[in-house]
N, C-alpha and C. Protein backbone atom coordinates (compact mmCIF):
# COMPACT_ATOMS: atom_id res chain seq x y z
N UNK A 1 51.35 164.10 75.87
CA UNK A 1 52.61 163.70 75.24
C UNK A 1 53.17 164.90 74.48
N UNK A 2 54.44 165.17 74.70
CA UNK A 2 55.12 166.25 74.00
C UNK A 2 55.83 165.65 72.78
N UNK A 3 55.41 166.05 71.59
CA UNK A 3 55.93 165.46 70.35
C UNK A 3 57.42 165.74 70.13
N UNK A 4 57.89 166.94 70.48
CA UNK A 4 59.31 167.27 70.27
C UNK A 4 60.20 166.38 71.13
N UNK A 5 59.82 166.16 72.38
CA UNK A 5 60.61 165.30 73.26
C UNK A 5 60.52 163.85 72.80
N UNK A 6 59.33 163.40 72.41
CA UNK A 6 59.19 162.03 71.91
C UNK A 6 60.07 161.82 70.69
N UNK A 7 60.11 162.79 69.79
CA UNK A 7 60.94 162.67 68.58
C UNK A 7 62.42 162.66 68.94
N UNK A 8 62.83 163.51 69.87
CA UNK A 8 64.22 163.53 70.33
C UNK A 8 64.64 162.15 70.82
N UNK A 9 63.80 161.53 71.62
CA UNK A 9 64.15 160.23 72.19
C UNK A 9 64.08 159.12 71.15
N UNK A 10 63.17 159.22 70.18
CA UNK A 10 63.18 158.26 69.07
C UNK A 10 64.50 158.39 68.30
N UNK A 11 64.92 159.63 68.05
CA UNK A 11 66.18 159.86 67.34
C UNK A 11 67.38 159.38 68.15
N UNK A 12 67.33 159.58 69.46
CA UNK A 12 68.39 159.15 70.38
C UNK A 12 68.60 157.63 70.28
N UNK A 13 67.52 156.88 70.36
CA UNK A 13 67.65 155.42 70.28
C UNK A 13 67.96 154.95 68.86
N UNK A 14 67.49 155.65 67.86
CA UNK A 14 67.84 155.30 66.47
C UNK A 14 69.34 155.47 66.24
N UNK A 15 69.92 156.56 66.75
CA UNK A 15 71.36 156.79 66.62
C UNK A 15 72.13 155.71 67.38
N UNK A 16 71.66 155.35 68.57
CA UNK A 16 72.28 154.27 69.33
C UNK A 16 72.26 152.97 68.53
N UNK A 17 71.12 152.64 67.96
CA UNK A 17 70.98 151.38 67.24
C UNK A 17 71.86 151.30 66.00
N UNK A 18 72.11 152.43 65.35
CA UNK A 18 72.98 152.38 64.16
C UNK A 18 74.44 152.68 64.52
N UNK A 19 74.72 152.77 65.84
CA UNK A 19 76.07 153.01 66.36
C UNK A 19 76.67 154.31 65.85
N UNK A 20 75.82 155.32 65.65
CA UNK A 20 76.25 156.65 65.22
C UNK A 20 76.51 157.49 66.47
N UNK A 21 77.70 157.31 67.04
CA UNK A 21 78.01 157.95 68.32
C UNK A 21 78.07 159.48 68.18
N UNK A 22 78.46 160.00 67.03
CA UNK A 22 78.48 161.46 66.86
C UNK A 22 77.06 162.02 66.98
N UNK A 23 76.11 161.42 66.28
CA UNK A 23 74.72 161.88 66.35
C UNK A 23 74.15 161.64 67.74
N UNK A 24 74.47 160.50 68.33
CA UNK A 24 73.99 160.15 69.67
C UNK A 24 74.45 161.18 70.69
N UNK A 25 75.75 161.49 70.70
CA UNK A 25 76.30 162.42 71.68
C UNK A 25 75.86 163.86 71.42
N UNK A 26 75.55 164.18 70.17
CA UNK A 26 75.09 165.53 69.83
C UNK A 26 73.73 165.84 70.46
N UNK A 27 73.00 164.82 70.88
CA UNK A 27 71.69 165.01 71.50
C UNK A 27 71.77 165.25 73.00
N UNK A 28 72.99 165.33 73.54
CA UNK A 28 73.20 165.53 74.96
C UNK A 28 73.65 166.97 75.25
N UNK A 29 73.23 167.50 76.40
CA UNK A 29 73.79 168.78 76.83
C UNK A 29 75.24 168.55 77.25
N UNK A 30 76.05 169.59 77.24
CA UNK A 30 77.45 169.46 77.63
C UNK A 30 77.59 168.99 79.08
N UNK A 31 76.63 169.35 79.93
CA UNK A 31 76.67 168.99 81.35
C UNK A 31 75.71 167.84 81.68
N UNK A 32 75.47 166.97 80.71
CA UNK A 32 74.54 165.86 80.90
C UNK A 32 74.88 165.06 82.15
N UNK A 33 73.84 164.66 82.86
CA UNK A 33 73.98 163.79 84.02
C UNK A 33 73.62 162.39 83.57
N UNK A 34 74.49 161.43 83.87
CA UNK A 34 74.26 160.04 83.50
C UNK A 34 74.29 159.19 84.77
N UNK A 35 73.12 158.70 85.15
CA UNK A 35 73.01 157.79 86.29
C UNK A 35 73.12 156.37 85.74
N UNK A 36 74.23 155.73 86.02
CA UNK A 36 74.51 154.39 85.50
C UNK A 36 73.75 153.37 86.33
N UNK A 37 73.16 152.40 85.66
CA UNK A 37 72.40 151.36 86.35
C UNK A 37 73.23 150.76 87.48
N UNK A 38 72.69 150.80 88.70
CA UNK A 38 73.32 150.23 89.89
C UNK A 38 74.77 150.69 90.02
N UNK A 39 75.02 151.96 89.62
CA UNK A 39 76.39 152.46 89.67
C UNK A 39 76.44 153.93 90.02
N UNK A 40 77.48 154.57 89.55
CA UNK A 40 77.76 155.95 89.88
C UNK A 40 76.98 156.92 89.00
N UNK A 41 77.02 158.18 89.41
CA UNK A 41 76.52 159.29 88.60
C UNK A 41 77.73 159.94 87.95
N UNK A 42 77.67 160.10 86.64
CA UNK A 42 78.72 160.80 85.90
C UNK A 42 78.12 162.07 85.32
N UNK A 43 78.94 163.10 85.20
CA UNK A 43 78.48 164.38 84.68
C UNK A 43 79.37 164.80 83.52
N UNK A 44 78.73 165.21 82.43
CA UNK A 44 79.44 165.74 81.28
C UNK A 44 79.43 164.82 80.08
N UNK A 45 79.43 165.45 78.92
CA UNK A 45 79.40 164.71 77.66
C UNK A 45 80.66 163.86 77.47
N UNK A 46 81.82 164.37 77.93
CA UNK A 46 83.06 163.61 77.79
C UNK A 46 83.01 162.30 78.59
N UNK A 47 82.50 162.35 79.81
CA UNK A 47 82.36 161.14 80.63
C UNK A 47 81.38 160.17 79.98
N UNK A 48 80.30 160.69 79.43
CA UNK A 48 79.31 159.85 78.76
C UNK A 48 79.93 159.17 77.54
N UNK A 49 80.73 159.93 76.79
CA UNK A 49 81.40 159.38 75.61
C UNK A 49 82.35 158.24 75.98
N UNK A 50 83.11 158.42 77.06
CA UNK A 50 84.03 157.36 77.51
C UNK A 50 83.25 156.14 77.97
N UNK A 51 82.12 156.35 78.65
CA UNK A 51 81.27 155.24 79.06
C UNK A 51 80.80 154.46 77.83
N UNK A 52 80.36 155.18 76.80
CA UNK A 52 79.87 154.51 75.59
C UNK A 52 81.00 153.78 74.86
N UNK A 53 82.20 154.32 74.86
CA UNK A 53 83.34 153.61 74.26
C UNK A 53 83.55 152.27 74.94
N UNK A 54 83.49 152.27 76.29
CA UNK A 54 83.66 151.02 77.03
C UNK A 54 82.53 150.05 76.73
N UNK A 55 81.31 150.56 76.74
CA UNK A 55 80.15 149.70 76.47
C UNK A 55 80.25 149.08 75.07
N UNK A 56 80.57 149.89 74.09
CA UNK A 56 80.64 149.40 72.70
C UNK A 56 81.77 148.41 72.49
N UNK A 57 82.80 148.45 73.34
CA UNK A 57 83.88 147.47 73.25
C UNK A 57 83.46 146.11 73.80
N UNK A 58 82.52 146.09 74.73
CA UNK A 58 82.13 144.85 75.39
C UNK A 58 80.79 144.28 74.95
N UNK A 59 79.92 145.13 74.40
CA UNK A 59 78.55 144.73 74.11
C UNK A 59 78.12 145.24 72.75
N UNK A 60 77.33 144.44 72.07
CA UNK A 60 76.66 144.89 70.84
C UNK A 60 75.17 144.82 71.14
N UNK A 61 74.51 145.99 71.16
CA UNK A 61 73.13 146.04 71.59
C UNK A 61 72.24 146.79 70.61
N UNK A 62 70.99 146.36 70.58
CA UNK A 62 69.92 147.03 69.85
C UNK A 62 68.78 147.26 70.82
N UNK A 63 68.15 148.42 70.71
CA UNK A 63 67.02 148.77 71.55
C UNK A 63 65.75 148.60 70.72
N UNK A 64 64.82 147.77 71.20
CA UNK A 64 63.58 147.49 70.47
C UNK A 64 62.38 147.65 71.42
N UNK A 65 61.20 147.55 70.85
CA UNK A 65 59.95 147.63 71.62
C UNK A 65 59.91 148.89 72.49
N UNK A 66 60.23 150.02 71.88
CA UNK A 66 60.35 151.29 72.61
C UNK A 66 58.97 151.90 72.85
N UNK A 67 58.74 152.29 74.11
CA UNK A 67 57.52 153.00 74.49
C UNK A 67 57.93 154.27 75.24
N UNK A 68 57.54 155.43 74.70
CA UNK A 68 57.95 156.72 75.24
C UNK A 68 56.75 157.42 75.87
N UNK A 69 56.96 157.96 77.07
CA UNK A 69 55.96 158.77 77.75
C UNK A 69 56.65 160.07 78.16
N UNK A 70 55.96 161.20 77.95
CA UNK A 70 56.53 162.49 78.36
C UNK A 70 55.53 163.26 79.21
N UNK A 71 56.03 164.24 79.94
CA UNK A 71 55.11 165.17 80.58
C UNK A 71 54.66 166.19 79.53
N UNK A 72 53.73 167.04 79.90
CA UNK A 72 53.12 167.95 78.93
C UNK A 72 54.11 168.92 78.30
N UNK A 73 54.99 169.50 79.11
CA UNK A 73 55.92 170.50 78.55
C UNK A 73 57.17 169.88 77.95
N UNK A 74 57.33 168.57 78.04
CA UNK A 74 58.45 167.88 77.40
C UNK A 74 59.75 167.92 78.18
N UNK A 75 59.70 168.40 79.42
CA UNK A 75 60.93 168.51 80.21
C UNK A 75 61.34 167.19 80.88
N UNK A 76 60.42 166.22 80.93
CA UNK A 76 60.71 164.92 81.54
C UNK A 76 60.10 163.83 80.68
N UNK A 77 60.76 162.68 80.70
CA UNK A 77 60.25 161.55 79.91
C UNK A 77 60.70 160.24 80.55
N UNK A 78 59.95 159.21 80.23
CA UNK A 78 60.29 157.85 80.62
C UNK A 78 60.19 156.98 79.38
N UNK A 79 61.12 156.06 79.24
CA UNK A 79 61.13 155.17 78.09
C UNK A 79 61.30 153.74 78.58
N UNK A 80 60.41 152.87 78.13
CA UNK A 80 60.52 151.44 78.42
C UNK A 80 60.90 150.76 77.12
N UNK A 81 61.79 149.76 77.21
CA UNK A 81 62.28 149.10 76.00
C UNK A 81 62.87 147.74 76.32
N UNK A 82 63.25 147.03 75.29
CA UNK A 82 63.94 145.75 75.42
C UNK A 82 65.31 145.89 74.78
N UNK A 83 66.32 145.39 75.48
CA UNK A 83 67.69 145.37 74.96
C UNK A 83 67.96 143.98 74.39
N UNK A 84 68.28 143.93 73.11
CA UNK A 84 68.75 142.69 72.48
C UNK A 84 70.25 142.83 72.37
N UNK A 85 70.99 141.94 73.03
CA UNK A 85 72.43 142.14 73.07
C UNK A 85 73.25 140.91 72.85
N UNK A 86 74.54 141.18 72.60
CA UNK A 86 75.56 140.15 72.50
C UNK A 86 76.74 140.61 73.35
N UNK A 87 77.21 139.73 74.21
CA UNK A 87 78.32 140.02 75.12
C UNK A 87 79.62 139.66 74.39
N UNK A 88 80.33 140.67 73.91
CA UNK A 88 81.46 140.49 73.01
C UNK A 88 82.78 140.16 73.71
N UNK A 89 83.09 140.91 74.77
CA UNK A 89 84.34 140.70 75.49
C UNK A 89 84.10 140.96 76.97
N UNK A 90 84.85 140.28 77.81
CA UNK A 90 84.61 140.31 79.24
C UNK A 90 84.77 141.73 79.80
N UNK A 91 83.75 142.15 80.51
CA UNK A 91 83.75 143.44 81.21
C UNK A 91 84.19 143.16 82.64
N UNK A 92 85.07 144.01 83.15
CA UNK A 92 85.67 143.81 84.47
C UNK A 92 84.62 143.58 85.56
N UNK A 93 84.83 142.50 86.32
CA UNK A 93 83.95 142.19 87.43
C UNK A 93 82.69 141.43 87.06
N UNK A 94 82.56 141.10 85.78
CA UNK A 94 81.35 140.40 85.30
C UNK A 94 81.74 139.04 84.74
N UNK A 95 80.76 138.17 84.46
CA UNK A 95 81.08 136.85 83.93
C UNK A 95 81.91 136.92 82.64
N UNK A 96 82.58 135.83 82.36
CA UNK A 96 83.40 135.71 81.16
C UNK A 96 82.52 135.82 79.91
N UNK A 97 82.99 136.59 78.93
CA UNK A 97 82.24 136.76 77.67
C UNK A 97 82.64 135.69 76.67
N UNK A 98 81.63 135.19 75.96
CA UNK A 98 81.86 134.19 74.91
C UNK A 98 80.79 134.35 73.83
N UNK A 99 80.43 135.59 73.54
CA UNK A 99 79.43 135.83 72.50
C UNK A 99 78.00 135.51 72.92
N UNK A 100 77.76 135.41 74.24
CA UNK A 100 76.41 135.10 74.71
C UNK A 100 75.43 136.20 74.26
N UNK A 101 74.21 135.78 73.98
CA UNK A 101 73.16 136.74 73.64
C UNK A 101 72.23 136.89 74.84
N UNK A 102 71.55 138.01 74.88
CA UNK A 102 70.62 138.28 75.97
C UNK A 102 69.48 139.15 75.48
N UNK A 103 68.38 139.05 76.20
CA UNK A 103 67.18 139.86 75.96
C UNK A 103 66.76 140.39 77.32
N UNK A 104 66.80 141.72 77.47
CA UNK A 104 66.67 142.31 78.78
C UNK A 104 65.67 143.45 78.78
N UNK A 105 64.59 143.36 79.58
CA UNK A 105 63.70 144.51 79.72
C UNK A 105 64.45 145.62 80.46
N UNK A 106 64.22 146.86 80.06
CA UNK A 106 64.93 147.99 80.67
C UNK A 106 64.09 149.25 80.57
N UNK A 107 64.57 150.29 81.22
CA UNK A 107 63.90 151.57 81.17
C UNK A 107 64.89 152.69 81.40
N UNK A 108 64.46 153.89 81.06
CA UNK A 108 65.30 155.07 81.28
C UNK A 108 64.40 156.26 81.58
N UNK A 109 64.91 157.14 82.41
CA UNK A 109 64.22 158.38 82.77
C UNK A 109 65.08 159.54 82.29
N UNK A 110 64.43 160.56 81.76
CA UNK A 110 65.14 161.67 81.13
C UNK A 110 64.67 163.01 81.65
N UNK A 111 65.62 163.95 81.76
CA UNK A 111 65.33 165.38 81.85
C UNK A 111 65.75 165.96 80.51
N UNK A 112 64.93 166.83 79.96
CA UNK A 112 65.19 167.46 78.67
C UNK A 112 65.31 168.96 78.88
N UNK A 113 66.35 169.55 78.31
CA UNK A 113 66.56 171.00 78.41
C UNK A 113 67.04 171.53 77.06
N UNK A 114 66.37 172.56 76.56
CA UNK A 114 66.75 173.18 75.28
C UNK A 114 66.83 172.17 74.15
N UNK A 115 65.90 171.21 74.15
CA UNK A 115 65.84 170.24 73.05
C UNK A 115 66.91 169.16 73.09
N UNK A 116 67.57 169.02 74.24
CA UNK A 116 68.62 167.99 74.37
C UNK A 116 68.42 167.21 75.67
N UNK A 117 69.06 166.07 75.75
CA UNK A 117 69.03 165.24 76.95
C UNK A 117 69.97 165.85 77.98
N UNK A 118 69.40 166.23 79.14
CA UNK A 118 70.19 166.82 80.22
C UNK A 118 70.47 165.81 81.34
N UNK A 119 69.65 164.77 81.42
CA UNK A 119 69.87 163.68 82.38
C UNK A 119 69.27 162.41 81.81
N UNK A 120 70.00 161.31 81.98
CA UNK A 120 69.45 160.00 81.67
C UNK A 120 69.81 159.07 82.82
N UNK A 121 68.79 158.40 83.34
CA UNK A 121 68.94 157.42 84.41
C UNK A 121 68.46 156.09 83.84
N UNK A 122 69.37 155.14 83.71
CA UNK A 122 69.03 153.84 83.12
C UNK A 122 68.79 152.81 84.21
N UNK A 123 67.88 151.88 83.92
CA UNK A 123 67.62 150.79 84.85
C UNK A 123 67.37 149.49 84.08
N UNK A 124 68.02 148.44 84.54
CA UNK A 124 67.71 147.07 84.13
C UNK A 124 68.08 146.17 85.29
N UNK A 125 67.64 144.93 85.24
CA UNK A 125 67.90 143.99 86.32
C UNK A 125 69.23 143.30 86.05
N UNK A 126 70.28 143.73 86.74
CA UNK A 126 71.62 143.18 86.53
C UNK A 126 71.67 141.68 86.81
N UNK A 127 70.95 141.24 87.84
CA UNK A 127 70.94 139.81 88.18
C UNK A 127 70.33 138.98 87.04
N UNK A 128 69.31 139.51 86.38
CA UNK A 128 68.71 138.84 85.22
C UNK A 128 69.75 138.72 84.10
N UNK A 129 70.46 139.82 83.84
CA UNK A 129 71.49 139.81 82.79
C UNK A 129 72.58 138.79 83.12
N UNK A 130 73.06 138.78 84.36
CA UNK A 130 74.10 137.83 84.77
C UNK A 130 73.62 136.40 84.58
N UNK A 131 72.38 136.12 84.97
CA UNK A 131 71.84 134.76 84.81
C UNK A 131 71.79 134.36 83.34
N UNK A 132 71.46 135.31 82.47
CA UNK A 132 71.39 134.99 81.04
C UNK A 132 72.76 134.72 80.44
N UNK A 133 73.79 135.47 80.84
CA UNK A 133 75.11 135.28 80.21
C UNK A 133 75.95 134.23 80.92
N UNK A 134 75.64 133.94 82.18
CA UNK A 134 76.42 132.95 82.93
C UNK A 134 75.91 131.53 82.74
N UNK A 135 74.64 131.44 82.31
CA UNK A 135 73.98 130.14 82.19
C UNK A 135 74.53 129.32 81.12
């Protein structure tokens, strides 16, 4: 386990949980690659920032039960966690929002470069989420 990478990712999720988008985005390289769950690949901090603006408009989420694993040199990491969320407003193409809450197991894979996140690939079961908010 690489302690510097583990600390970076702990800080990354702590900034996310307190909705400190400035601190959160500061942990990304300018050319960060973001693989969206069951979606497209976006490149760049600006695209990531716009994605987070959209997410924060539709969802209120906290990341809990975090488990971080890194390779020896800290250049790669995997994080398993649980998303505790509230669906605030309807996101295009998804079920109608009415403040539904959800609990979703998820994971993310990271490339780390120069002490920052250079790639994040997120995964969760979209069908599980839909079943929770549509039910």
